[in-house]
Structures are given as C-alpha cells and as structure tokens.
Amino acid sequence: MDKDILKEKIKNYIEIRKNLWTAMLGLFGGITALAISTINNPLKNVFVIFGLIFLIFILFSIKFTNEEINLVIKKMEEAKK
C-alpha cells in the first residue's frame, strides 16, 4: 500500500481512539454521578448497569483500535523493507 494512505489510516484510527476515550470518560462520570446520587429510584440501578455494560464495550473498542493501529504500523514498516 501507499505510505501516504497508511499514514492517513493511522491518523483516522488515532482520532477514533480519542473520541472513544472522551466518550468513556464522560460515561464514567455520568455513571459515577448517578450511582452516588440520593435518588431512590429502581430505574437508577438499571441505568447504572447498562452504563457499565456500555463502558466495557467502549474499552474493548479502544483495545481493538489500538490493535488496528499496530497492524497498520507493521504494514508501514514492511513497506519500508
């Protein structure tokens, strides 16, 4: 593949990773605020559980994105040889 195309892919994956980290931090803050709130609503627990499941999904997405970045970097190194 062309070196410029690989550089663009890396930039795109880095941007995706930044957005995922931002979403994770915002979601974590929201879950924490909801969990320690004094509202005694059974629906609160459902939202906290769904939030934690979504947080785990985001963490796996970040891991996948890091793996994709490493694959593209390896392709770039192989193209140099």
N, C-alpha and C. Protein backbone atom coordinates (compact mmCIF):
# COMPACT_ATOMS: atom_id res chain seq x y z
N MET A 1 0.84 -1.18 0.00
CA MET A 1 0.00 0.00 0.00
C MET A 1 0.88 1.25 0.00
N ASP A 2 0.28 2.31 -0.42
CA ASP A 2 0.99 3.58 -0.46
C ASP A 2 1.22 4.09 0.97
N LYS A 3 2.39 4.66 1.18
CA LYS A 3 2.78 5.14 2.51
C LYS A 3 1.85 6.25 3.00
N ASP A 4 1.41 7.13 2.10
CA ASP A 4 0.51 8.22 2.50
C ASP A 4 -0.86 7.69 2.94
N ILE A 5 -1.32 6.64 2.27
CA ILE A 5 -2.60 6.04 2.64
C ILE A 5 -2.51 5.44 4.04
N LEU A 6 -1.40 4.77 4.31
CA LEU A 6 -1.20 4.18 5.64
C LEU A 6 -1.12 5.26 6.72
N LYS A 7 -0.47 6.37 6.42
CA LYS A 7 -0.40 7.48 7.39
C LYS A 7 -1.80 8.03 7.67
N GLU A 8 -2.63 8.13 6.62
CA GLU A 8 -3.99 8.62 6.81
C GLU A 8 -4.80 7.65 7.66
N LYS A 9 -4.61 6.36 7.43
CA LYS A 9 -5.31 5.37 8.25
C LYS A 9 -4.93 5.49 9.71
N ILE A 10 -3.64 5.68 9.97
CA ILE A 10 -3.19 5.83 11.35
C ILE A 10 -3.81 7.07 11.98
N LYS A 11 -3.84 8.18 11.25
CA LYS A 11 -4.46 9.41 11.77
C LYS A 11 -5.93 9.19 12.08
N ASN A 12 -6.64 8.48 11.20
CA ASN A 12 -8.06 8.22 11.42
C ASN A 12 -8.29 7.35 12.65
N TYR A 13 -7.46 6.31 12.78
CA TYR A 13 -7.60 5.44 13.96
C TYR A 13 -7.27 6.19 15.25
N ILE A 14 -6.30 7.07 15.22
CA ILE A 14 -5.97 7.86 16.40
C ILE A 14 -7.13 8.78 16.77
N GLU A 15 -7.76 9.37 15.76
CA GLU A 15 -8.92 10.23 16.02
C GLU A 15 -10.08 9.43 16.62
N ILE A 16 -10.31 8.23 16.10
CA ILE A 16 -11.35 7.37 16.64
C ILE A 16 -11.04 7.03 18.10
N ARG A 17 -9.77 6.72 18.38
CA ARG A 17 -9.37 6.38 19.74
C ARG A 17 -9.58 7.56 20.68
N LYS A 18 -9.27 8.76 20.23
CA LYS A 18 -9.50 9.96 21.06
C LYS A 18 -10.99 10.11 21.39
N ASN A 19 -11.84 9.91 20.37
CA ASN A 19 -13.28 10.03 20.60
C ASN A 19 -13.79 8.97 21.56
N LEU A 20 -13.26 7.75 21.45
CA LEU A 20 -13.68 6.69 22.35
C LEU A 20 -13.26 6.99 23.79
N TRP A 21 -12.04 7.52 23.97
CA TRP A 21 -11.59 7.88 25.32
C TRP A 21 -12.47 8.99 25.90
N THR A 22 -12.83 9.96 25.07
CA THR A 22 -13.70 11.04 25.54
C THR A 22 -15.07 10.50 25.94
N ALA A 23 -15.61 9.61 25.13
CA ALA A 23 -16.91 9.00 25.45
C ALA A 23 -16.82 8.19 26.74
N MET A 24 -15.72 7.47 26.91
CA MET A 24 -15.56 6.65 28.10
C MET A 24 -15.49 7.52 29.36
N LEU A 25 -14.73 8.60 29.29
CA LEU A 25 -14.62 9.49 30.46
C LEU A 25 -15.96 10.14 30.80
N GLY A 26 -16.67 10.59 29.78
CA GLY A 26 -17.98 11.19 30.03
C GLY A 26 -18.98 10.19 30.58
N LEU A 27 -18.98 8.99 30.04
CA LEU A 27 -19.87 7.95 30.52
C LEU A 27 -19.52 7.54 31.95
N PHE A 28 -18.23 7.42 32.22
CA PHE A 28 -17.81 7.05 33.57
C PHE A 28 -18.24 8.11 34.59
N GLY A 29 -18.09 9.37 34.22
CA GLY A 29 -18.53 10.45 35.12
C GLY A 29 -20.03 10.41 35.35
N GLY A 30 -20.78 10.16 34.29
CA GLY A 30 -22.23 10.08 34.43
C GLY A 30 -22.67 8.90 35.28
N ILE A 31 -22.03 7.75 35.07
CA ILE A 31 -22.36 6.57 35.86
C ILE A 31 -22.03 6.80 37.34
N THR A 32 -20.88 7.42 37.59
CA THR A 32 -20.48 7.69 38.97
C THR A 32 -21.46 8.65 39.63
N ALA A 33 -21.83 9.70 38.92
CA ALA A 33 -22.77 10.68 39.49
C ALA A 33 -24.12 10.03 39.76
N LEU A 34 -24.57 9.19 38.85
CA LEU A 34 -25.86 8.52 39.03
C LEU A 34 -25.79 7.51 40.17
N ALA A 35 -24.67 6.81 40.28
CA ALA A 35 -24.54 5.79 41.32
C ALA A 35 -24.51 6.39 42.72
N ILE A 36 -23.90 7.56 42.87
CA ILE A 36 -23.80 8.14 44.21
C ILE A 36 -24.92 9.15 44.50
N SER A 37 -25.82 9.32 43.55
CA SER A 37 -26.92 10.26 43.78
C SER A 37 -27.85 9.70 44.84
N THR A 38 -28.61 10.60 45.45
CA THR A 38 -29.50 10.21 46.54
C THR A 38 -30.89 9.84 46.04
N ILE A 39 -31.07 9.79 44.74
CA ILE A 39 -32.38 9.42 44.19
C ILE A 39 -32.62 7.94 44.45
N ASN A 40 -33.76 7.63 45.06
CA ASN A 40 -34.10 6.24 45.34
C ASN A 40 -35.11 5.76 44.31
N ASN A 41 -34.61 5.48 43.13
CA ASN A 41 -35.46 5.03 42.04
C ASN A 41 -34.89 3.71 41.53
N PRO A 42 -35.73 2.68 41.39
CA PRO A 42 -35.22 1.40 40.91
C PRO A 42 -34.65 1.49 39.48
N LEU A 43 -35.13 2.44 38.72
CA LEU A 43 -34.65 2.62 37.36
C LEU A 43 -33.20 3.10 37.35
N LYS A 44 -32.79 3.74 38.43
CA LYS A 44 -31.40 4.22 38.54
C LYS A 44 -30.43 3.05 38.43
N ASN A 45 -30.74 1.95 39.10
CA ASN A 45 -29.86 0.78 39.06
C ASN A 45 -29.77 0.20 37.65
N VAL A 46 -30.86 0.22 36.93
CA VAL A 46 -30.87 -0.29 35.55
C VAL A 46 -29.96 0.57 34.68
N PHE A 47 -30.05 1.88 34.83
CA PHE A 47 -29.20 2.77 34.04
C PHE A 47 -27.72 2.60 34.39
N VAL A 48 -27.41 2.39 35.65
CA VAL A 48 -26.03 2.18 36.06
C VAL A 48 -25.50 0.89 35.45
N ILE A 49 -26.29 -0.17 35.47
CA ILE A 49 -25.85 -1.46 34.90
C ILE A 49 -25.65 -1.34 33.39
N PHE A 50 -26.62 -0.72 32.70
CA PHE A 50 -26.47 -0.53 31.25
C PHE A 50 -25.26 0.36 30.94
N GLY A 51 -25.02 1.36 31.76
CA GLY A 51 -23.86 2.22 31.58
C GLY A 51 -22.56 1.47 31.73
N LEU A 52 -22.50 0.58 32.72
CA LEU A 52 -21.28 -0.22 32.92
C LEU A 52 -21.05 -1.18 31.76
N ILE A 53 -22.13 -1.77 31.25
CA ILE A 53 -22.00 -2.66 30.08
C ILE A 53 -21.50 -1.87 28.88
N PHE A 54 -22.04 -0.69 28.67
CA PHE A 54 -21.60 0.14 27.54
C PHE A 54 -20.15 0.60 27.75
N LEU A 55 -19.77 0.85 28.98
CA LEU A 55 -18.39 1.24 29.30
C LEU A 55 -17.42 0.11 28.94
N ILE A 56 -17.80 -1.12 29.24
CA ILE A 56 -16.97 -2.27 28.88
C ILE A 56 -16.86 -2.38 27.37
N PHE A 57 -17.97 -2.15 26.66
CA PHE A 57 -17.96 -2.18 25.20
C PHE A 57 -16.99 -1.12 24.65
N ILE A 58 -16.99 0.06 25.23
CA ILE A 58 -16.09 1.12 24.77
C ILE A 58 -14.63 0.73 25.04
N LEU A 59 -14.36 0.12 26.19
CA LEU A 59 -12.99 -0.30 26.49
C LEU A 59 -12.49 -1.33 25.47
N PHE A 60 -13.35 -2.29 25.09
CA PHE A 60 -12.96 -3.26 24.08
C PHE A 60 -12.77 -2.59 22.72
N SER A 61 -13.56 -1.56 22.43
CA SER A 61 -13.39 -0.83 21.18
C SER A 61 -12.05 -0.10 21.15
N ILE A 62 -11.64 0.46 22.27
CA ILE A 62 -10.35 1.13 22.36
C ILE A 62 -9.23 0.12 22.14
N LYS A 63 -9.35 -1.06 22.75
CA LYS A 63 -8.35 -2.11 22.57
C LYS A 63 -8.27 -2.52 21.10
N PHE A 64 -9.42 -2.69 20.46
CA PHE A 64 -9.45 -3.07 19.05
C PHE A 64 -8.79 -1.99 18.18
N THR A 65 -9.08 -0.74 18.48
CA THR A 65 -8.49 0.37 17.72
C THR A 65 -6.98 0.39 17.88
N ASN A 66 -6.48 0.15 19.09
CA ASN A 66 -5.03 0.09 19.30
C ASN A 66 -4.41 -1.05 18.50
N GLU A 67 -5.08 -2.18 18.43
CA GLU A 67 -4.57 -3.30 17.65
C GLU A 67 -4.53 -2.95 16.16
N GLU A 68 -5.55 -2.26 15.68
CA GLU A 68 -5.58 -1.85 14.28
C GLU A 68 -4.45 -0.86 13.96
N ILE A 69 -4.19 0.05 14.89
CA ILE A 69 -3.08 1.00 14.71
C ILE A 69 -1.77 0.24 14.61
N ASN A 70 -1.57 -0.75 15.49
CA ASN A 70 -0.34 -1.53 15.45
C ASN A 70 -0.20 -2.32 14.15
N LEU A 71 -1.32 -2.84 13.62
CA LEU A 71 -1.26 -3.57 12.34
C LEU A 71 -0.86 -2.65 11.20
N VAL A 72 -1.41 -1.46 11.19
CA VAL A 72 -1.07 -0.51 10.12
C VAL A 72 0.40 -0.09 10.22
N ILE A 73 0.88 0.09 11.45
CA ILE A 73 2.29 0.45 11.64
C ILE A 73 3.19 -0.69 11.14
N LYS A 74 2.81 -1.94 11.42
CA LYS A 74 3.60 -3.07 10.93
C LYS A 74 3.61 -3.11 9.40
N LYS A 75 2.45 -2.82 8.78
CA LYS A 75 2.40 -2.78 7.32
C LYS A 75 3.32 -1.69 6.78
N MET A 76 3.36 -0.57 7.49
CA MET A 76 4.22 0.53 7.06
C MET A 76 5.69 0.15 7.17
N GLU A 77 6.04 -0.55 8.25
CA GLU A 77 7.43 -0.99 8.42
C GLU A 77 7.81 -2.02 7.36
N GLU A 78 6.87 -2.89 7.02
CA GLU A 78 7.15 -3.88 5.97
C GLU A 78 7.30 -3.22 4.61
N ALA A 79 6.58 -2.15 4.40
CA ALA A 79 6.68 -1.43 3.12
C ALA A 79 8.04 -0.74 2.98
N LYS A 80 8.65 -0.38 4.10
CA LYS A 80 9.98 0.25 4.07
C LYS A 80 11.05 -0.72 3.60
N LYS A 81 10.87 -2.00 3.93
CA LYS A 81 11.91 -3.01 3.63
C LYS A 81 11.96 -3.34 2.17
